[in-house]
Amino acid sequence: MRRLVVWRHGRTSWNAEHRFQGQTDIPLDDEGQAQARRSAAMLAALQPDVIVCSDLLRARETAQPLRELTGLDMTIDPGLRETAAGEWEGKTRPQLLEEYGDALARWAADVRMPAGVTGETRLEVADRTVAAIERGLARIPGDGVLVVVTHGGSARAAIGRMLELPPEHWAALGVLTNCAWTVLIENDRPPGLPGPPWRLQEYNAGSLPEPVPVDGVWPADDR
């Protein structure tokens, strides 16, 4: 079964200041660089086959230590960018609440609302992010591992779509911390059985997942 690792970038100065980054191209700060090195040392143990990365600098800097440890090329895909948020980008949460409080609340509650006047909806973000993930998955073997280096908002939208959660329930997925990752494992259900093609193995993790026990043909909790 294929495994998909969705890895959020390390910390930036805007993360530390609680600013809405969006697609503004902010580098990692010193803590973010250290986070990337620590995380890469663990993720390398999964022996990834392909690394696909957002073109924004903070994602590329996060992926670089894993690239060096594994010797893999890093494929850049702009489809993995963070949500475009227009005039909201660069503003702190208190500033957003003061200037755009009603719109911010509607955006938080409705995946069809754009971020800012000129930004994207979560549905649009999911469309392009999942398409980028599918391009990466097409390049790994049937038992391979794909590492996707992306951003908090785009990661949550993609994970919700990959798990076939109703869009109005995507908010049930917690906010990803900097340099944490989520592991999805491809379902091996027999043809014709209902259910999503992927299952959630670990979410917002900072350690490697334990093997999932299987009794006989199918895990007991799925009968």
C-alpha atoms as a PDB file:
ATOM      1  CA  MET A   1       0.000   0.000   0.000  1.00  0.00           C
ATOM      2  CA  ARG A   2       1.213   3.492  -0.807  1.00  0.00           C
ATOM      3  CA  ARG A   3       1.835   5.970   1.984  1.00  0.00           C
ATOM      4  CA  LEU A   4       1.376   9.713   1.767  1.00  0.00           C
ATOM      5  CA  VAL A   5       3.186  12.032   4.173  1.00  0.00           C
ATOM      6  CA  VAL A   6       1.828  15.590   4.219  1.00  0.00           C
ATOM      7  CA  TRP A   7       4.456  17.759   5.912  1.00  0.00           C
ATOM      8  CA  ARG A   8       3.910  21.362   6.960  1.00  0.00           C
ATOM      9  CA  HIS A   9       6.853  23.761   6.677  1.00  0.00           C
ATOM     10  CA  GLY A  10       8.889  24.912   9.655  1.00  0.00           C
ATOM     11  CA  ARG A  11       8.422  28.145  11.564  1.00  0.00           C
ATOM     12  CA  THR A  12       8.870  31.580  10.010  1.00  0.00           C
ATOM     13  CA  SER A  13       9.051  34.973  11.673  1.00  0.00           C
ATOM     14  CA  TRP A  14       5.467  35.585  10.519  1.00  0.00           C
ATOM     15  CA  ASN A  15       4.384  32.363  12.215  1.00  0.00           C
ATOM     16  CA  ALA A  16       5.998  33.577  15.419  1.00  0.00           C
ATOM     17  CA  GLU A  17       4.174  36.910  15.051  1.00  0.00           C
ATOM     18  CA  HIS A  18       0.865  35.184  14.198  1.00  0.00           C
ATOM     19  CA  ARG A  19       0.582  36.859  10.814  1.00  0.00           C
ATOM     20  CA  PHE A  20      -1.513  35.473   7.957  1.00  0.00           C
ATOM     21  CA  GLN A  21       1.168  34.385   5.489  1.00  0.00           C
ATOM     22  CA  GLY A  22      -0.838  33.158   2.522  1.00  0.00           C
ATOM     23  CA  GLN A  23       1.330  33.162  -0.576  1.00  0.00           C
ATOM     24  CA  THR A  24       3.711  35.870   0.651  1.00  0.00           C
ATOM     25  CA  ASP A  25       7.161  34.306   0.290  1.00  0.00           C
ATOM     26  CA  ILE A  26       8.635  34.261   3.813  1.00  0.00           C
ATOM     27  CA  PRO A  27      11.770  32.216   4.680  1.00  0.00           C
ATOM     28  CA  LEU A  28      12.189  29.993   7.705  1.00  0.00           C
ATOM     29  CA  ASP A  29      13.585  31.571  10.857  1.00  0.00           C
ATOM     30  CA  ASP A  30      16.348  29.890  12.884  1.00  0.00           C
ATOM     31  CA  GLU A  31      13.854  27.788  14.828  1.00  0.00           C
ATOM     32  CA  GLY A  32      12.194  26.711  11.583  1.00  0.00           C
ATOM     33  CA  GLN A  33      15.526  25.608  10.152  1.00  0.00           C
ATOM     34  CA  ALA A  34      16.186  23.526  13.279  1.00  0.00           C
ATOM     35  CA  GLN A  35      12.691  22.027  13.087  1.00  0.00           C
ATOM     36  CA  ALA A  36      13.268  21.017   9.485  1.00  0.00           C
ATOM     37  CA  ARG A  37      16.536  19.260  10.324  1.00  0.00           C
ATOM     38  CA  ARG A  38      14.989  17.347  13.243  1.00  0.00           C
ATOM     39  CA  SER A  39      11.950  16.298  11.237  1.00  0.00           C
ATOM     40  CA  ALA A  40      13.976  15.298   8.187  1.00  0.00           C
ATOM     41  CA  ALA A  41      16.089  12.937  10.289  1.00  0.00           C
ATOM     42  CA  MET A  42      12.912  11.049  11.254  1.00  0.00           C
ATOM     43  CA  LEU A  43      11.147  11.170   7.894  1.00  0.00           C
ATOM     44  CA  ALA A  44      14.230   9.832   6.134  1.00  0.00           C
ATOM     45  CA  ALA A  45      13.648   6.569   8.030  1.00  0.00           C
ATOM     46  CA  LEU A  46      10.441   6.092   6.028  1.00  0.00           C
ATOM     47  CA  GLN A  47      12.636   5.757   2.905  1.00  0.00           C
ATOM     48  CA  PRO A  48      10.541   8.065   0.711  1.00  0.00           C
ATOM     49  CA  ASP A  49      10.500   7.491  -3.011  1.00  0.00           C
ATOM     50  CA  VAL A  50       9.523  11.001  -4.109  1.00  0.00           C
ATOM     51  CA  ILE A  51       9.552  14.467  -2.501  1.00  0.00           C
ATOM     52  CA  VAL A  52       7.160  17.047  -3.923  1.00  0.00           C
ATOM     53  CA  CYS A  53       7.277  20.574  -2.579  1.00  0.00           C
ATOM     54  CA  SER A  54       5.478  23.900  -2.777  1.00  0.00           C
ATOM     55  CA  ASP A  55       7.441  26.526  -4.662  1.00  0.00           C
ATOM     56  CA  LEU A  56       7.319  28.962  -1.725  1.00  0.00           C
ATOM     57  CA  LEU A  57      10.667  29.442   0.020  1.00  0.00           C
ATOM     58  CA  ARG A  58       9.584  28.262   3.475  1.00  0.00           C
ATOM     59  CA  ALA A  59       8.509  24.902   2.039  1.00  0.00           C
ATOM     60  CA  ARG A  60      11.632  24.483  -0.107  1.00  0.00           C
ATOM     61  CA  GLU A  61      13.870  25.258   2.881  1.00  0.00           C
ATOM     62  CA  THR A  62      11.964  22.686   4.941  1.00  0.00           C
ATOM     63  CA  ALA A  63      12.385  20.004   2.285  1.00  0.00           C
ATOM     64  CA  GLN A  64      16.106  20.630   1.731  1.00  0.00           C
ATOM     65  CA  PRO A  65      17.432  18.618   4.731  1.00  0.00           C
ATOM     66  CA  LEU A  66      15.313  15.619   3.703  1.00  0.00           C
ATOM     67  CA  ARG A  67      16.595  15.930   0.162  1.00  0.00           C
ATOM     68  CA  GLU A  68      20.176  15.916   1.432  1.00  0.00           C
ATOM     69  CA  LEU A  69      19.624  12.898   3.696  1.00  0.00           C
ATOM     70  CA  THR A  70      17.852  10.790   1.072  1.00  0.00           C
ATOM     71  CA  GLY A  71      19.664  11.911  -2.056  1.00  0.00           C
ATOM     72  CA  LEU A  72      16.301  12.396  -3.779  1.00  0.00           C
ATOM     73  CA  ASP A  73      15.474  15.185  -6.173  1.00  0.00           C
ATOM     74  CA  MET A  74      12.880  17.676  -4.978  1.00  0.00           C
ATOM     75  CA  THR A  75      10.037  18.303  -7.424  1.00  0.00           C
ATOM     76  CA  ILE A  76       8.575  21.818  -7.165  1.00  0.00           C
ATOM     77  CA  ASP A  77       4.819  22.093  -7.714  1.00  0.00           C
ATOM     78  CA  PRO A  78       3.078  25.491  -7.328  1.00  0.00           C
ATOM     79  CA  GLY A  79      -0.177  23.600  -6.801  1.00  0.00           C
ATOM     80  CA  LEU A  80       0.983  23.004  -3.216  1.00  0.00           C
ATOM     81  CA  ARG A  81       1.078  26.700  -2.324  1.00  0.00           C
ATOM     82  CA  GLU A  82      -0.756  28.092   0.684  1.00  0.00           C
ATOM     83  CA  THR A  83      -4.143  29.767   0.335  1.00  0.00           C
ATOM     84  CA  ALA A  84      -4.022  33.087  -1.515  1.00  0.00           C
ATOM     85  CA  ALA A  85      -5.500  35.637   0.887  1.00  0.00           C
ATOM     86  CA  GLY A  86      -5.095  38.982  -0.853  1.00  0.00           C
ATOM     87  CA  GLU A  87      -5.148  41.953   1.500  1.00  0.00           C
ATOM     88  CA  TRP A  88      -5.264  39.721   4.573  1.00  0.00           C
ATOM     89  CA  GLU A  89      -1.673  38.605   4.069  1.00  0.00           C
ATOM     90  CA  GLY A  90       0.815  40.060   6.520  1.00  0.00           C
ATOM     91  CA  LYS A  91      -1.830  41.088   9.055  1.00  0.00           C
ATOM     92  CA  THR A  92      -1.915  39.745  12.590  1.00  0.00           C
ATOM     93  CA  ARG A  93      -5.043  38.119  13.970  1.00  0.00           C
ATOM     94  CA  PRO A  94      -5.977  41.205  16.065  1.00  0.00           C
ATOM     95  CA  GLN A  95      -5.651  43.343  12.935  1.00  0.00           C
ATOM     96  CA  LEU A  96      -7.797  40.946  10.921  1.00  0.00           C
ATOM     97  CA  LEU A  97     -10.462  40.854  13.625  1.00  0.00           C
ATOM     98  CA  GLU A  98     -10.544  44.641  13.803  1.00  0.00           C
ATOM     99  CA  GLU A  99     -10.601  45.266  10.049  1.00  0.00           C
ATOM    100  CA  TYR A 100     -12.350  42.173   8.663  1.00  0.00           C
ATOM    101  CA  GLY A 101     -13.991  40.518  11.635  1.00  0.00           C
ATOM    102  CA  ASP A 102     -17.281  39.529   9.965  1.00  0.00           C
ATOM    103  CA  ALA A 103     -15.607  38.315   6.779  1.00  0.00           C
ATOM    104  CA  LEU A 104     -13.012  36.390   8.789  1.00  0.00           C
ATOM    105  CA  ALA A 105     -15.747  34.616  10.749  1.00  0.00           C
ATOM    106  CA  ARG A 106     -17.608  33.704   7.564  1.00  0.00           C
ATOM    107  CA  TRP A 107     -14.422  32.402   5.957  1.00  0.00           C
ATOM    108  CA  ALA A 108     -13.648  30.262   9.021  1.00  0.00           C
ATOM    109  CA  ALA A 109     -17.123  28.707   8.886  1.00  0.00           C
ATOM    110  CA  ASP A 110     -17.699  28.331   5.141  1.00  0.00           C
ATOM    111  CA  VAL A 111     -15.345  26.540   2.736  1.00  0.00           C
ATOM    112  CA  ARG A 112     -16.972  28.433  -0.147  1.00  0.00           C
ATOM    113  CA  MET A 113     -15.955  31.857   1.179  1.00  0.00           C
ATOM    114  CA  PRO A 114     -12.723  33.340  -0.216  1.00  0.00           C
ATOM    115  CA  ALA A 115      -9.925  34.477   2.056  1.00  0.00           C
ATOM    116  CA  GLY A 116      -9.952  38.225   1.643  1.00  0.00           C
ATOM    117  CA  VAL A 117     -11.627  39.969  -1.262  1.00  0.00           C
ATOM    118  CA  THR A 118      -9.283  38.573  -3.922  1.00  0.00           C
ATOM    119  CA  GLY A 119      -8.241  35.287  -2.302  1.00  0.00           C
ATOM    120  CA  GLU A 120      -9.162  31.632  -2.710  1.00  0.00           C
ATOM    121  CA  THR A 121     -11.808  29.440  -1.168  1.00  0.00           C
ATOM    122  CA  ARG A 122     -10.846  26.229   0.634  1.00  0.00           C
ATOM    123  CA  LEU A 123     -12.540  24.261  -2.130  1.00  0.00           C
ATOM    124  CA  GLU A 124     -10.269  25.892  -4.718  1.00  0.00           C
ATOM    125  CA  VAL A 125      -7.236  25.189  -2.549  1.00  0.00           C
ATOM    126  CA  ALA A 126      -8.259  21.534  -2.201  1.00  0.00           C
ATOM    127  CA  ASP A 127      -8.712  21.208  -5.973  1.00  0.00           C
ATOM    128  CA  ARG A 128      -5.199  22.338  -6.863  1.00  0.00           C
ATOM    129  CA  THR A 129      -3.454  20.744  -3.868  1.00  0.00           C
ATOM    130  CA  VAL A 130      -4.974  17.304  -4.386  1.00  0.00           C
ATOM    131  CA  ALA A 131      -4.154  17.525  -8.103  1.00  0.00           C
ATOM    132  CA  ALA A 132      -0.510  18.152  -7.164  1.00  0.00           C
ATOM    133  CA  ILE A 133      -0.551  15.221  -4.740  1.00  0.00           C
ATOM    134  CA  GLU A 134      -2.004  12.952  -7.419  1.00  0.00           C
ATOM    135  CA  ARG A 135       0.808  13.964  -9.757  1.00  0.00           C
ATOM    136  CA  GLY A 136       3.275  12.876  -7.082  1.00  0.00           C
ATOM    137  CA  LEU A 137       1.470   9.623  -6.308  1.00  0.00           C
ATOM    138  CA  ALA A 138       1.614   8.651  -9.974  1.00  0.00           C
ATOM    139  CA  ARG A 139       5.410   8.549  -9.671  1.00  0.00           C
ATOM    140  CA  ILE A 140       5.750   6.098  -6.757  1.00  0.00           C
ATOM    141  CA  PRO A 141       5.448   2.289  -6.745  1.00  0.00           C
ATOM    142  CA  GLY A 142       2.535   0.410  -5.245  1.00  0.00           C
ATOM    143  CA  ASP A 143       4.261   0.181  -1.868  1.00  0.00           C
ATOM    144  CA  GLY A 144       5.986   3.550  -2.125  1.00  0.00           C
ATOM    145  CA  VAL A 145       6.131   6.641   0.075  1.00  0.00           C
ATOM    146  CA  LEU A 146       5.399  10.167  -1.162  1.00  0.00           C
ATOM    147  CA  VAL A 147       6.403  13.156   0.973  1.00  0.00           C
ATOM    148  CA  VAL A 148       4.498  16.342   0.188  1.00  0.00           C
ATOM    149  CA  VAL A 149       5.919  19.548   1.671  1.00  0.00           C
ATOM    150  CA  THR A 150       3.234  22.181   1.882  1.00  0.00           C
ATOM    151  CA  HIS A 151       1.427  24.617   4.194  1.00  0.00           C
ATOM    152  CA  GLY A 152      -1.085  24.499   7.019  1.00  0.00           C
ATOM    153  CA  GLY A 153      -4.214  25.580   5.168  1.00  0.00           C
ATOM    154  CA  SER A 154      -3.499  23.722   1.962  1.00  0.00           C
ATOM    155  CA  ALA A 155      -2.578  20.586   3.919  1.00  0.00           C
ATOM    156  CA  ARG A 156      -5.848  20.532   5.871  1.00  0.00           C
ATOM    157  CA  ALA A 157      -7.942  21.082   2.741  1.00  0.00           C
ATOM    158  CA  ALA A 158      -6.081  18.331   0.891  1.00  0.00           C
ATOM    159  CA  ILE A 159      -6.318  15.868   3.775  1.00  0.00           C
ATOM    160  CA  GLY A 160     -10.048  16.496   4.126  1.00  0.00           C
ATOM    161  CA  ARG A 161     -10.515  15.874   0.399  1.00  0.00           C
ATOM    162  CA  MET A 162      -8.286  12.767   0.353  1.00  0.00           C
ATOM    163  CA  LEU A 163     -10.260  11.260   3.251  1.00  0.00           C
ATOM    164  CA  GLU A 164     -13.538  12.162   1.506  1.00  0.00           C
ATOM    165  CA  LEU A 165     -14.773  14.142   4.506  1.00  0.00           C
ATOM    166  CA  PRO A 166     -17.696  16.465   3.750  1.00  0.00           C
ATOM    167  CA  PRO A 167     -16.190  19.926   3.182  1.00  0.00           C
ATOM    168  CA  GLU A 168     -18.234  21.400   6.028  1.00  0.00           C
ATOM    169  CA  HIS A 169     -16.412  18.980   8.362  1.00  0.00           C
ATOM    170  CA  TRP A 170     -12.861  19.855   7.297  1.00  0.00           C
ATOM    171  CA  ALA A 171     -12.626  22.174  10.302  1.00  0.00           C
ATOM    172  CA  ALA A 172     -12.675  19.036  12.484  1.00  0.00           C
ATOM    173  CA  LEU A 173      -9.042  18.581  11.439  1.00  0.00           C
ATOM    174  CA  GLY A 174      -6.939  20.536  13.897  1.00  0.00           C
ATOM    175  CA  VAL A 175      -4.442  23.225  12.935  1.00  0.00           C
ATOM    176  CA  LEU A 176      -1.112  21.689  11.965  1.00  0.00           C
ATOM    177  CA  THR A 177       1.872  22.852  13.959  1.00  0.00           C
ATOM    178  CA  ASN A 178       5.054  23.932  12.230  1.00  0.00           C
ATOM    179  CA  CYS A 179       7.031  21.019  10.779  1.00  0.00           C
ATOM    180  CA  ALA A 180       4.459  18.437  11.905  1.00  0.00           C
ATOM    181  CA  TRP A 181       3.225  15.865   9.412  1.00  0.00           C
ATOM    182  CA  THR A 182       0.229  13.681   8.704  1.00  0.00           C
ATOM    183  CA  VAL A 183       0.459  10.122   7.381  1.00  0.00           C
ATOM    184  CA  LEU A 184      -2.245   8.653   5.148  1.00  0.00           C
ATOM    185  CA  ILE A 185      -2.112   5.012   4.103  1.00  0.00           C
ATOM    186  CA  GLU A 186      -3.850   3.697   1.023  1.00  0.00           C
ATOM    187  CA  ASN A 187      -6.835   1.497   1.817  1.00  0.00           C
ATOM    188  CA  ASP A 188      -6.604  -2.027   0.495  1.00  0.00           C
ATOM    189  CA  ARG A 189     -10.317  -2.775   0.662  1.00  0.00           C
ATOM    190  CA  PRO A 190     -11.463  -5.476  -1.735  1.00  0.00           C
ATOM    191  CA  PRO A 191     -13.117  -4.063  -4.882  1.00  0.00           C
ATOM    192  CA  GLY A 192     -16.730  -3.086  -4.374  1.00  0.00           C
ATOM    193  CA  LEU A 193     -16.555  -2.354  -0.663  1.00  0.00           C
ATOM    194  CA  PRO A 194     -17.506   1.230   0.279  1.00  0.00           C
ATOM    195  CA  GLY A 195     -15.130   3.616   1.935  1.00  0.00           C
ATOM    196  CA  PRO A 196     -12.518   6.257   1.134  1.00  0.00           C
ATOM    197  CA  PRO A 197      -9.374   5.288  -0.764  1.00  0.00           C
ATOM    198  CA  TRP A 198      -7.144   6.563   2.066  1.00  0.00           C
ATOM    199  CA  ARG A 199      -7.139   6.170   5.823  1.00  0.00           C
ATOM    200  CA  LEU A 200      -5.610   8.428   8.462  1.00  0.00           C
ATOM    201  CA  GLN A 201      -2.689   6.781  10.248  1.00  0.00           C
ATOM    202  CA  GLU A 202      -1.248   9.750  12.148  1.00  0.00           C
ATOM    203  CA  TYR A 203      -2.234  13.415  12.295  1.00  0.00           C
ATOM    204  CA  ASN A 204      -0.132  16.421  13.344  1.00  0.00           C
ATOM    205  CA  ALA A 205       2.685  14.062  14.267  1.00  0.00           C
ATOM    206  CA  GLY A 206       6.240  14.709  15.325  1.00  0.00           C
ATOM    207  CA  SER A 207       7.264  11.066  15.597  1.00  0.00           C
ATOM    208  CA  LEU A 208       7.107   8.085  13.279  1.00  0.00           C
ATOM    209  CA  PRO A 209       3.879   6.047  13.219  1.00  0.00           C
ATOM    210  CA  GLU A 210       3.706   2.626  14.834  1.00  0.00           C
ATOM    211  CA  PRO A 211       2.755  -0.318  12.587  1.00  0.00           C
ATOM    212  CA  VAL A 212      -0.992  -0.886  12.412  1.00  0.00           C
ATOM    213  CA  PRO A 213      -1.975  -4.398  13.515  1.00  0.00           C
ATOM    214  CA  VAL A 214      -4.167  -6.366  11.137  1.00  0.00           C
ATOM    215  CA  ASP A 215      -6.062  -9.509  12.158  1.00  0.00           C
ATOM    216  CA  GLY A 216      -6.572 -11.839   9.259  1.00  0.00           C
ATOM    217  CA  VAL A 217      -8.092 -10.179   6.214  1.00  0.00           C
ATOM    218  CA  TRP A 218      -9.214  -6.820   7.595  1.00  0.00           C
ATOM    219  CA  PRO A 219      -8.771  -4.774  10.780  1.00  0.00           C
ATOM    220  CA  ALA A 220     -11.409  -5.718  13.325  1.00  0.00           C
ATOM    221  CA  ASP A 221     -12.616  -2.146  13.823  1.00  0.00           C
ATOM    222  CA  ASP A 222     -13.704  -1.984  10.175  1.00  0.00           C
ATOM    223  CA  ARG A 223     -15.997  -5.012  10.211  1.00  0.00           C
END
